[in-house]
Amino acid sequence: MDRIYAWDDREERVVYRISGHIFDDGREDSDVSPVWIPANEADLPDEINVEDLQKVTVKK
């Protein structure tokens, strides 16, 4: 499964999601209800920079 990276403008950090993934607690990541997971800038693929990421606001 491919990771989709974004910039969490609330916490000012890199996050990712795995579209279609179902988590152990039953949540499903979808375009309607994305599940954003914290990541490190070092996790980004070489061809992607923080400046290139879509901005999202991750709810707590």
Protein backbone atom coordinates (compact mmCIF):
# COMPACT_ATOMS: atom_id res chain seq x y z
CA MET A 1 0.00 0.00 0.00
CA ASP A 2 1.25 3.44 -0.86
CA ARG A 3 1.59 6.18 1.69
CA ILE A 4 0.10 9.59 0.97
CA TYR A 5 2.11 12.33 2.69
CA ALA A 6 0.87 15.76 3.76
CA TRP A 7 1.80 18.66 6.07
CA ASP A 8 -0.26 19.00 9.26
CA ASP A 9 -0.56 22.78 9.59
CA ARG A 10 -1.95 22.53 13.14
CA GLU A 11 1.01 20.61 14.60
CA GLU A 12 3.50 21.67 11.90
CA ARG A 13 4.66 18.17 11.07
CA VAL A 14 4.68 15.60 8.30
CA VAL A 15 1.84 13.07 8.37
CA TYR A 16 0.80 10.21 6.11
CA ARG A 17 -2.18 8.02 5.41
CA ILE A 18 -2.72 4.68 3.71
CA SER A 19 -5.90 4.89 1.66
CA GLY A 20 -8.14 1.87 2.17
CA HIS A 21 -6.22 0.56 5.20
CA ILE A 22 -8.33 -0.83 8.04
CA PHE A 23 -6.76 -0.33 11.47
CA ASP A 24 -6.94 -2.77 14.39
CA ASP A 25 -9.51 -0.52 16.10
CA GLY A 26 -11.85 -0.80 13.09
CA ARG A 27 -11.22 2.64 11.56
CA GLU A 28 -10.88 2.64 7.78
CA ASP A 29 -8.80 5.28 6.02
CA SER A 30 -10.81 6.76 3.16
CA ASP A 31 -10.99 9.99 1.19
CA VAL A 32 -14.11 10.90 3.19
CA SER A 33 -12.54 10.06 6.56
CA PRO A 34 -8.72 10.08 6.31
CA VAL A 35 -6.65 8.69 9.18
CA TRP A 36 -3.45 10.78 9.40
CA ILE A 37 -0.43 9.23 11.11
CA PRO A 38 2.53 11.33 12.34
CA ALA A 39 5.77 10.88 10.38
CA ASN A 40 9.24 12.37 10.22
CA GLU A 41 10.61 14.46 7.39
CA ALA A 42 13.25 11.75 6.96
CA ASP A 43 10.43 9.31 6.04
CA LEU A 44 9.63 11.26 2.87
CA PRO A 45 10.71 9.69 -0.41
CA ASP A 46 13.82 11.35 -1.88
CA GLU A 47 11.87 13.10 -4.65
CA ILE A 48 9.40 14.78 -2.24
CA ASN A 49 10.14 17.91 -0.20
CA VAL A 50 8.11 19.34 2.69
CA GLU A 51 7.32 22.39 0.52
CA ASP A 52 5.64 20.08 -2.03
CA LEU A 53 3.17 18.56 0.45
CA GLN A 54 -0.55 19.28 0.56
CA LYS A 55 -1.57 21.13 3.72
CA VAL A 56 -4.12 19.44 5.99
CA THR A 57 -5.48 20.12 9.45
CA VAL A 58 -5.43 16.97 11.53
CA LYS A 59 -8.15 16.85 14.17
CA LYS A 60 -7.15 15.75 17.63
